[in-house]
Amino acid sequence: MKRKDITPLKYVGLILRLGLSMALPVVFGVLAGRYLDRRLGTGGVLLVISIAIGILTSFRNLYHQANKITGKK
């Protein structure tokens, strides 16, 4: 088998992609939850729910990207 040449820049891109795919859903959940709580006056309930959804989405994204990197389906 021929080994692919992996440059340090590709590692930086990989780390950046993984980091963003984990951080953005949580940040979006915080922003959406705060907005909805203020708009609907639910006192933080929707914030907690949206953060939990963001965390679950982050782990789902990480799982799918790890499978893509390792070549598993």
C-alpha atoms as a PDB file:
ATOM      1  CA  MET A   1       0.000   0.000   0.000  1.00  0.00           C
ATOM      2  CA  LYS A   2       1.112   3.475  -0.759  1.00  0.00           C
ATOM      3  CA  ARG A   3       1.112   5.849   2.175  1.00  0.00           C
ATOM      4  CA  LYS A   4      -0.409   9.264   1.648  1.00  0.00           C
ATOM      5  CA  ASP A   5       1.769  12.240   2.469  1.00  0.00           C
ATOM      6  CA  ILE A   6       0.138  14.143   5.288  1.00  0.00           C
ATOM      7  CA  THR A   7       1.441  17.630   5.774  1.00  0.00           C
ATOM      8  CA  PRO A   8       1.218  19.563   9.038  1.00  0.00           C
ATOM      9  CA  LEU A   9      -1.270  21.898   7.365  1.00  0.00           C
ATOM     10  CA  LYS A  10      -3.668  18.984   6.838  1.00  0.00           C
ATOM     11  CA  TYR A  11      -3.440  18.169  10.555  1.00  0.00           C
ATOM     12  CA  VAL A  12      -4.260  21.777  11.403  1.00  0.00           C
ATOM     13  CA  GLY A  13      -7.252  21.647   9.075  1.00  0.00           C
ATOM     14  CA  LEU A  14      -8.431  18.395  10.630  1.00  0.00           C
ATOM     15  CA  ILE A  15      -8.165  19.744  14.170  1.00  0.00           C
ATOM     16  CA  LEU A  16      -9.899  22.969  13.168  1.00  0.00           C
ATOM     17  CA  ARG A  17     -12.727  21.063  11.487  1.00  0.00           C
ATOM     18  CA  LEU A  18     -13.229  18.795  14.499  1.00  0.00           C
ATOM     19  CA  GLY A  19     -13.123  21.706  16.923  1.00  0.00           C
ATOM     20  CA  LEU A  20     -15.616  23.782  14.980  1.00  0.00           C
ATOM     21  CA  SER A  21     -17.967  20.858  14.488  1.00  0.00           C
ATOM     22  CA  MET A  22     -18.040  20.403  18.265  1.00  0.00           C
ATOM     23  CA  ALA A  23     -18.164  24.063  19.315  1.00  0.00           C
ATOM     24  CA  LEU A  24     -20.648  25.564  16.874  1.00  0.00           C
ATOM     25  CA  PRO A  25     -23.703  23.453  17.807  1.00  0.00           C
ATOM     26  CA  VAL A  26     -23.197  24.267  21.495  1.00  0.00           C
ATOM     27  CA  VAL A  27     -22.747  27.987  20.809  1.00  0.00           C
ATOM     28  CA  PHE A  28     -25.819  27.984  18.584  1.00  0.00           C
ATOM     29  CA  GLY A  29     -27.746  26.162  21.312  1.00  0.00           C
ATOM     30  CA  VAL A  30     -26.763  28.763  23.901  1.00  0.00           C
ATOM     31  CA  LEU A  31     -27.740  31.652  21.652  1.00  0.00           C
ATOM     32  CA  ALA A  32     -31.019  30.072  20.562  1.00  0.00           C
ATOM     33  CA  GLY A  33     -31.900  29.021  24.109  1.00  0.00           C
ATOM     34  CA  ARG A  34     -31.228  32.467  25.560  1.00  0.00           C
ATOM     35  CA  TYR A  35     -33.270  34.102  22.819  1.00  0.00           C
ATOM     36  CA  LEU A  36     -36.209  31.753  23.268  1.00  0.00           C
ATOM     37  CA  ASP A  37     -36.105  32.051  27.059  1.00  0.00           C
ATOM     38  CA  ARG A  38     -36.195  35.832  26.872  1.00  0.00           C
ATOM     39  CA  ARG A  39     -38.880  35.808  24.211  1.00  0.00           C
ATOM     40  CA  LEU A  40     -41.131  33.251  25.907  1.00  0.00           C
ATOM     41  CA  GLY A  41     -40.205  33.945  29.546  1.00  0.00           C
ATOM     42  CA  THR A  42     -39.482  30.324  30.429  1.00  0.00           C
ATOM     43  CA  GLY A  43     -36.747  31.083  32.970  1.00  0.00           C
ATOM     44  CA  GLY A  44     -33.845  29.060  31.600  1.00  0.00           C
ATOM     45  CA  VAL A  45     -35.634  25.840  30.705  1.00  0.00           C
ATOM     46  CA  LEU A  46     -35.177  26.237  26.967  1.00  0.00           C
ATOM     47  CA  LEU A  47     -31.542  27.246  27.478  1.00  0.00           C
ATOM     48  CA  VAL A  48     -30.785  23.968  29.240  1.00  0.00           C
ATOM     49  CA  ILE A  49     -32.672  21.961  26.623  1.00  0.00           C
ATOM     50  CA  SER A  50     -30.948  23.689  23.712  1.00  0.00           C
ATOM     51  CA  ILE A  51     -27.504  23.248  25.297  1.00  0.00           C
ATOM     52  CA  ALA A  52     -28.206  19.527  25.734  1.00  0.00           C
ATOM     53  CA  ILE A  53     -29.289  19.272  22.100  1.00  0.00           C
ATOM     54  CA  GLY A  54     -26.129  21.152  21.059  1.00  0.00           C
ATOM     55  CA  ILE A  55     -23.908  18.774  23.035  1.00  0.00           C
ATOM     56  CA  LEU A  56     -25.618  15.710  21.550  1.00  0.00           C
ATOM     57  CA  THR A  57     -25.262  17.181  18.075  1.00  0.00           C
ATOM     58  CA  SER A  58     -21.573  17.843  18.720  1.00  0.00           C
ATOM     59  CA  PHE A  59     -20.926  14.230  19.671  1.00  0.00           C
ATOM     60  CA  ARG A  60     -22.917  13.039  16.662  1.00  0.00           C
ATOM     61  CA  ASN A  61     -20.778  15.227  14.391  1.00  0.00           C
ATOM     62  CA  LEU A  62     -17.594  13.959  16.032  1.00  0.00           C
ATOM     63  CA  TYR A  63     -18.715  10.346  15.605  1.00  0.00           C
ATOM     64  CA  HIS A  64     -19.502  10.790  11.912  1.00  0.00           C
ATOM     65  CA  GLN A  65     -16.270  12.641  11.192  1.00  0.00           C
ATOM     66  CA  ALA A  66     -14.206  10.039  13.049  1.00  0.00           C
ATOM     67  CA  ASN A  67     -15.824   7.296  10.977  1.00  0.00           C
ATOM     68  CA  LYS A  68     -15.142   9.258   7.805  1.00  0.00           C
ATOM     69  CA  ILE A  69     -11.476   9.725   8.744  1.00  0.00           C
ATOM     70  CA  THR A  70     -10.943   6.074   9.661  1.00  0.00           C
ATOM     71  CA  GLY A  71     -12.845   4.828   6.626  1.00  0.00           C
ATOM     72  CA  LYS A  72     -15.588   3.055   8.567  1.00  0.00           C
ATOM     73  CA  LYS A  73     -19.225   3.368   7.617  1.00  0.00           C
END
